[in-house]
Amino acid sequence: MISASVVTLGETMALVRTTEIGSLRHANSLAFGIGGAESNVAIGLARLGVATSWLGRVGDDSPGERVAREIRGEGIDVRVIVDPDAATGLMVKERPSAASTAVHYYRAGSAGSRLHPDDLPEGWIEEASLLHVTGITPLLSDTALATLHTAIGRARAAGAIVSFDINYRSSLASAEAASPLLRELAERADIVFGGAEEFAVLYPGSSAADAAARLRDAGCATTVLKQGADGATAFSGEAVVVSPGSTIDVVDTVGAGDAFVAGYLSALLDGLDLDATLRRANACGAMACLVPGDWEAAPTLRELERFLDGAGDPVRR
């Protein structure tokens, strides 16, 4: 097996979504797929040409088989642990209106939440250039939290870059309970991604700029503020780099942040400067909003180049 440049781990769930606008209680048809922040990033990276490996637990059930097959089908090295004692988690997504999306999680006690430090293969992290994790995993269970700390410790010892997306989920823990857990993880990372509200979870009452300064003092090299349609701002040392967003017709924003991270990390590994890195990240995030689904619109390098070049005719002949 060829060593992956990026390794990531976390829970990927079965995903059920409505196929039309309106409440789930009136839906006539549903689509079935998968979704998970870390696997979304892995898929985005793989499509951009980065060798990537994902690790997670699934149940001994059909949804778990679907999770493993879909991720593996994207050319990713899948390290799946099949848990015979817990089911694969479920995510249900609906669009109550054209301008809104609601996501419901059924993951308490799921196989993915039972992630354990013993699940991490020997050498798996040490052979990678970068470890990417999110703030979702540590809120799933005590063993999942321990797994993240173990993974980060091994990555740092091996000299790998540690990337952390705060990705705070209020459905998993209150901000007060999550704050010290997420802050400790962020302060062990080299790159931290988040929105303004998420940085305020790390450091209550702080702006993103204040949080970036505190993370820098803790040893974090770069803090990236995701601003959606307004683009992104990166704080790296004393430098502050601002990159504008793109004007698009939004279909579905779920997964856009993960696509942004994939674009950023791929550009970082390609050796691009911070301006070009943010430009790629913003483009990937925008493109993810053009199609329903968590990861389906993650672009290839060719698609990304067409988007960035503003290729005019939308009809391919």
Protein backbone atom coordinates (compact mmCIF):
# COMPACT_ATOMS: atom_id res chain seq x y z
CA MET A 1 0.00 0.00 0.00
CA ILE A 2 1.38 3.41 -0.98
CA SER A 3 1.71 5.70 2.03
CA ALA A 4 -0.86 8.49 2.10
CA SER A 5 0.18 12.14 2.19
CA VAL A 6 -2.82 12.91 4.39
CA VAL A 7 -4.51 10.73 6.99
CA THR A 8 -7.78 11.57 8.66
CA LEU A 9 -10.20 9.84 11.00
CA GLY A 10 -13.73 10.29 12.28
CA GLU A 11 -17.33 9.20 11.93
CA THR A 12 -19.00 8.90 8.55
CA MET A 13 -22.72 8.20 8.64
CA ALA A 14 -25.41 7.03 6.32
CA LEU A 15 -27.17 10.06 4.86
CA VAL A 16 -30.82 10.33 3.91
CA ARG A 17 -31.99 13.55 2.26
CA THR A 18 -35.13 14.88 0.70
CA THR A 19 -35.01 15.32 -3.06
CA GLU A 20 -37.31 18.34 -3.16
CA ILE A 21 -37.76 21.53 -1.20
CA GLY A 22 -40.13 21.19 1.73
CA SER A 23 -40.44 19.60 5.14
CA LEU A 24 -39.42 16.00 5.63
CA ARG A 25 -42.89 15.23 6.97
CA HIS A 26 -44.30 15.82 3.50
CA ALA A 27 -41.46 14.34 1.42
CA ASN A 28 -42.48 11.92 -1.32
CA SER A 29 -39.02 10.61 -2.11
CA LEU A 30 -35.63 10.35 -0.43
CA ALA A 31 -32.05 9.88 -1.62
CA PHE A 32 -29.58 7.68 0.24
CA GLY A 33 -25.84 8.27 0.54
CA ILE A 34 -23.11 8.98 3.08
CA GLY A 35 -21.63 11.99 4.80
CA GLY A 36 -18.99 12.86 7.37
CA ALA A 37 -16.72 15.87 7.79
CA GLU A 38 -13.44 13.96 7.70
CA SER A 39 -14.37 11.70 4.79
CA ASN A 40 -15.67 14.76 2.93
CA VAL A 41 -12.21 16.29 3.27
CA ALA A 42 -10.57 13.01 2.25
CA ILE A 43 -12.70 12.83 -0.90
CA GLY A 44 -11.97 16.47 -1.72
CA LEU A 45 -8.23 15.86 -1.35
CA ALA A 46 -8.28 12.68 -3.42
CA ARG A 47 -10.05 14.46 -6.28
CA LEU A 48 -7.35 17.12 -6.16
CA GLY A 49 -4.66 14.48 -6.57
CA VAL A 50 -3.58 14.02 -2.94
CA ALA A 51 -2.98 10.47 -1.70
CA THR A 52 -5.33 10.20 1.29
CA SER A 53 -6.34 7.63 3.91
CA TRP A 54 -9.46 7.65 6.09
CA LEU A 55 -10.08 5.61 9.24
CA GLY A 56 -13.37 5.09 11.03
CA ARG A 57 -15.78 2.64 12.64
CA VAL A 58 -19.01 1.43 11.07
CA GLY A 59 -21.62 -1.08 12.11
CA ASP A 60 -21.90 -4.58 10.74
CA ASP A 61 -24.77 -3.46 8.54
CA SER A 62 -25.65 -2.34 5.03
CA PRO A 63 -25.15 1.39 5.75
CA GLY A 64 -21.67 0.58 7.05
CA GLU A 65 -20.87 -1.33 3.87
CA ARG A 66 -22.11 1.66 1.87
CA VAL A 67 -19.83 4.02 3.81
CA ALA A 68 -16.73 1.90 3.19
CA ARG A 69 -17.57 1.29 -0.48
CA GLU A 70 -18.31 4.93 -1.34
CA ILE A 71 -15.12 6.26 0.25
CA ARG A 72 -12.98 3.49 -1.22
CA GLY A 73 -14.56 4.18 -4.60
CA GLU A 74 -13.07 7.67 -4.53
CA GLY A 75 -9.57 6.20 -4.54
CA ILE A 76 -9.00 6.59 -0.82
CA ASP A 77 -7.16 4.09 1.37
CA VAL A 78 -9.94 3.04 3.75
CA ARG A 79 -9.06 1.69 7.20
CA VAL A 80 -12.48 0.65 8.42
CA ILE A 81 -13.21 -1.10 11.71
CA VAL A 82 -16.47 -3.07 11.61
CA ASP A 83 -18.14 -2.96 15.02
CA PRO A 84 -20.54 -5.89 15.56
CA ASP A 85 -22.06 -4.30 18.66
CA ALA A 86 -23.21 -0.92 17.35
CA ALA A 87 -25.00 0.44 14.30
CA THR A 88 -23.73 2.89 11.72
CA GLY A 89 -24.90 6.41 12.54
CA LEU A 90 -27.58 8.17 10.50
CA MET A 91 -27.85 11.75 9.27
CA VAL A 92 -31.11 13.09 7.83
CA LYS A 93 -31.13 16.29 5.78
CA GLU A 94 -34.12 18.32 4.64
CA ARG A 95 -34.64 21.67 2.92
CA PRO A 96 -37.63 23.33 4.61
CA SER A 97 -37.29 26.22 2.17
CA ALA A 98 -35.14 27.18 -0.80
CA ALA A 99 -32.94 29.24 1.51
CA SER A 100 -32.55 26.82 4.42
CA THR A 101 -31.25 23.36 5.26
CA ALA A 102 -31.89 21.35 8.41
CA VAL A 103 -29.73 18.41 9.45
CA HIS A 104 -30.77 15.83 12.05
CA TYR A 105 -28.32 13.34 13.58
CA TYR A 106 -29.03 9.90 14.99
CA ARG A 107 -25.60 8.92 16.23
CA ALA A 108 -25.76 8.36 20.01
CA GLY A 109 -23.97 5.11 20.77
CA SER A 110 -23.15 4.58 17.10
CA ALA A 111 -20.22 2.52 15.87
CA GLY A 112 -18.43 5.70 14.83
CA SER A 113 -18.69 7.13 18.33
CA ARG A 114 -16.84 4.10 19.70
CA LEU A 115 -13.54 5.03 18.05
CA HIS A 116 -10.65 3.90 20.29
CA PRO A 117 -6.89 4.62 20.39
CA ASP A 118 -6.26 0.94 19.70
CA ASP A 119 -7.93 1.42 16.31
CA LEU A 120 -4.95 3.44 15.04
CA PRO A 121 -2.63 1.16 13.02
CA GLU A 122 1.07 1.15 13.72
CA GLY A 123 2.94 3.45 11.34
CA TRP A 124 -0.24 4.77 9.71
CA ILE A 125 0.15 8.31 11.04
CA GLU A 126 3.94 8.30 11.13
CA GLU A 127 4.23 7.70 7.38
CA ALA A 128 1.96 10.63 6.48
CA SER A 129 2.85 14.26 5.80
CA LEU A 130 -0.30 15.62 7.43
CA LEU A 131 -2.97 14.56 9.92
CA HIS A 132 -6.39 16.22 9.63
CA VAL A 133 -8.95 16.00 12.45
CA THR A 134 -12.07 17.90 13.51
CA GLY A 135 -13.82 19.04 16.65
CA ILE A 136 -16.71 16.68 15.96
CA THR A 137 -14.84 13.53 16.98
CA PRO A 138 -13.82 14.55 20.53
CA LEU A 139 -17.44 15.31 21.43
CA LEU A 140 -18.66 11.83 20.44
CA SER A 141 -17.22 9.92 23.41
CA ASP A 142 -14.35 9.76 25.88
CA THR A 143 -12.60 7.10 23.79
CA ALA A 144 -12.98 9.18 20.63
CA LEU A 145 -11.43 12.15 22.45
CA ALA A 146 -8.56 9.94 23.62
CA THR A 147 -8.08 8.70 20.05
CA LEU A 148 -7.64 12.25 18.76
CA HIS A 149 -5.08 13.10 21.43
CA THR A 150 -3.18 9.90 20.66
CA ALA A 151 -3.25 10.62 16.93
CA ILE A 152 -2.06 14.20 17.38
CA GLY A 153 0.70 13.09 19.73
CA ARG A 154 1.95 10.54 17.22
CA ALA A 155 1.78 13.06 14.36
CA ARG A 156 3.73 15.67 16.27
CA ALA A 157 6.35 13.13 17.32
CA ALA A 158 6.77 12.12 13.68
CA GLY A 159 7.04 15.72 12.45
CA ALA A 160 3.77 15.62 10.50
CA ILE A 161 1.61 18.73 10.10
CA VAL A 162 -1.52 18.70 12.28
CA SER A 163 -4.64 20.30 10.80
CA PHE A 164 -7.69 20.92 13.02
CA ASP A 165 -11.10 22.14 11.87
CA ILE A 166 -13.11 23.27 14.91
CA ASN A 167 -16.39 22.22 13.24
CA TYR A 168 -18.33 22.72 16.48
CA ARG A 169 -21.64 20.84 16.73
CA SER A 170 -23.99 22.22 19.37
CA SER A 171 -26.07 19.03 19.14
CA LEU A 172 -23.15 17.10 20.65
CA ALA A 173 -22.21 19.41 23.54
CA SER A 174 -22.88 22.88 24.90
CA ALA A 175 -20.35 25.57 24.10
CA GLU A 176 -19.34 25.65 27.76
CA ALA A 177 -18.63 21.91 27.82
CA ALA A 178 -16.95 21.84 24.42
CA SER A 179 -14.72 24.89 24.89
CA PRO A 180 -11.87 23.39 26.98
CA LEU A 181 -11.83 20.16 24.96
CA LEU A 182 -11.65 21.91 21.59
CA ARG A 183 -9.24 24.57 22.82
CA GLU A 184 -6.73 21.97 24.01
CA LEU A 185 -6.83 20.22 20.63
CA ALA A 186 -6.56 23.47 18.67
CA GLU A 187 -3.54 24.57 20.66
CA ARG A 188 -1.76 21.35 19.67
CA ALA A 189 -2.36 21.92 15.95
CA ASP A 190 -0.28 23.65 13.29
CA ILE A 191 -3.29 24.86 11.27
CA VAL A 192 -6.70 25.68 12.75
CA PHE A 193 -9.83 26.33 10.67
CA GLY A 194 -13.09 27.80 11.92
CA GLY A 195 -15.83 30.37 11.60
CA ALA A 196 -16.09 33.44 13.80
CA GLU A 197 -18.59 31.78 16.14
CA GLU A 198 -16.40 28.69 16.42
CA PHE A 199 -13.34 30.71 17.46
CA ALA A 200 -15.57 32.31 20.10
CA VAL A 201 -16.28 28.79 21.41
CA LEU A 202 -12.53 28.22 21.81
CA TYR A 203 -12.00 31.55 23.56
CA PRO A 204 -15.31 32.97 24.81
CA GLY A 205 -15.66 36.67 24.06
CA SER A 206 -12.75 36.71 21.62
CA SER A 207 -12.78 37.78 17.99
CA ALA A 208 -11.19 35.61 15.33
CA ALA A 209 -8.14 37.89 15.32
CA ASP A 210 -7.82 37.61 19.10
CA ALA A 211 -8.18 33.83 18.88
CA ALA A 212 -5.51 33.71 16.16
CA ALA A 213 -3.11 35.62 18.40
CA ARG A 214 -3.73 33.24 21.29
CA LEU A 215 -3.29 30.22 19.06
CA ARG A 216 -0.06 31.69 17.68
CA ASP A 217 1.22 32.11 21.24
CA ALA A 218 0.40 28.43 21.82
CA GLY A 219 2.50 27.42 18.81
CA CYS A 220 -0.08 27.28 16.01
CA ALA A 221 1.47 28.46 12.74
CA THR A 222 -1.69 29.47 10.84
CA THR A 223 -5.28 30.25 11.76
CA VAL A 224 -7.87 30.35 8.97
CA LEU A 225 -11.18 32.17 9.36
CA LYS A 226 -13.84 30.72 7.06
CA GLN A 227 -16.31 33.44 6.06
CA GLY A 228 -18.56 31.65 3.58
CA ALA A 229 -19.62 33.85 0.68
CA ASP A 230 -17.31 36.58 1.98
CA GLY A 231 -14.23 34.41 1.44
CA ALA A 232 -11.59 33.76 4.08
CA THR A 233 -8.87 35.39 6.15
CA ALA A 234 -5.63 33.70 7.20
CA PHE A 235 -3.45 34.76 10.12
CA SER A 236 0.09 33.44 9.71
CA GLY A 237 2.71 34.87 12.02
CA GLU A 238 2.29 38.63 11.79
CA ALA A 239 0.76 38.40 8.29
CA VAL A 240 -2.97 38.73 7.64
CA VAL A 241 -4.12 37.62 4.20
CA VAL A 242 -7.69 38.30 3.02
CA SER A 243 -9.21 36.46 0.07
CA PRO A 244 -12.67 37.29 -1.37
CA GLY A 245 -15.36 34.71 -2.04
CA SER A 246 -17.20 33.88 -5.27
CA THR A 247 -20.68 34.91 -6.43
CA ILE A 248 -22.65 31.73 -7.16
CA ASP A 249 -26.20 30.40 -7.16
CA VAL A 250 -26.22 28.35 -3.95
CA VAL A 251 -27.99 24.98 -3.97
CA ASP A 252 -26.69 23.32 -0.79
CA THR A 253 -24.12 24.72 1.67
CA VAL A 254 -23.61 21.52 3.70
CA GLY A 255 -20.08 20.26 3.12
CA ALA A 256 -18.77 23.58 1.79
CA GLY A 257 -16.48 24.04 4.78
CA ASP A 258 -15.00 20.59 4.26
CA ALA A 259 -14.39 21.30 0.57
CA PHE A 260 -12.70 24.57 1.60
CA VAL A 261 -10.36 22.67 3.93
CA ALA A 262 -9.55 20.11 1.22
CA GLY A 263 -8.70 22.91 -1.19
CA TYR A 264 -6.52 24.63 1.38
CA LEU A 265 -4.61 21.50 2.40
CA SER A 266 -4.05 20.40 -1.19
CA ALA A 267 -2.64 23.82 -2.06
CA LEU A 268 -0.43 23.75 1.03
CA LEU A 269 0.97 20.36 0.02
CA ASP A 270 1.44 21.65 -3.54
CA GLY A 271 3.62 24.44 -2.16
CA LEU A 272 1.39 27.37 -3.16
CA ASP A 273 1.72 30.70 -1.35
CA LEU A 274 -0.97 31.80 1.09
CA ASP A 275 -2.82 34.00 -1.43
CA ALA A 276 -3.10 31.16 -3.96
CA THR A 277 -3.94 28.68 -1.21
CA LEU A 278 -6.89 30.73 -0.01
CA ARG A 279 -8.03 31.30 -3.58
CA ARG A 280 -8.14 27.56 -4.20
CA ALA A 281 -9.85 26.91 -0.87
CA ASN A 282 -12.56 29.52 -1.54
CA ALA A 283 -13.18 28.11 -5.01
CA CYS A 284 -13.56 24.57 -3.69
CA GLY A 285 -15.98 25.76 -1.01
CA ALA A 286 -18.05 27.64 -3.57
CA MET A 287 -18.17 24.70 -5.98
CA ALA A 288 -19.41 22.42 -3.20
CA CYS A 289 -22.52 24.63 -2.92
CA LEU A 290 -23.56 24.08 -6.52
CA VAL A 291 -24.89 20.51 -6.15
CA PRO A 292 -26.97 18.76 -3.45
CA GLY A 293 -25.00 16.47 -1.17
CA ASP A 294 -22.13 16.67 1.30
CA TRP A 295 -19.24 15.83 -1.05
CA GLU A 296 -20.57 15.10 -4.51
CA ALA A 297 -19.52 18.47 -5.96
CA ALA A 298 -15.96 18.37 -4.62
CA PRO A 299 -13.97 19.34 -7.74
CA THR A 300 -11.14 17.67 -9.58
CA LEU A 301 -8.14 19.82 -10.48
CA ARG A 302 -9.48 20.19 -14.02
CA GLU A 303 -12.90 21.32 -12.80
CA LEU A 304 -11.25 23.69 -10.35
CA GLU A 305 -9.15 25.26 -13.10
CA ARG A 306 -12.26 25.81 -15.24
CA PHE A 307 -14.01 27.49 -12.32
CA LEU A 308 -11.06 29.72 -11.48
CA ASP A 309 -10.55 30.64 -15.13
CA GLY A 310 -14.21 31.61 -15.41
CA ALA A 311 -14.77 29.40 -18.45
CA GLY A 312 -17.74 31.09 -20.05
CA ASP A 313 -20.05 28.69 -21.88
CA PRO A 314 -21.86 26.51 -19.32
CA VAL A 315 -22.75 23.99 -22.06
CA ARG A 316 -20.02 21.47 -22.88
CA ARG A 317 -20.10 20.60 -26.57
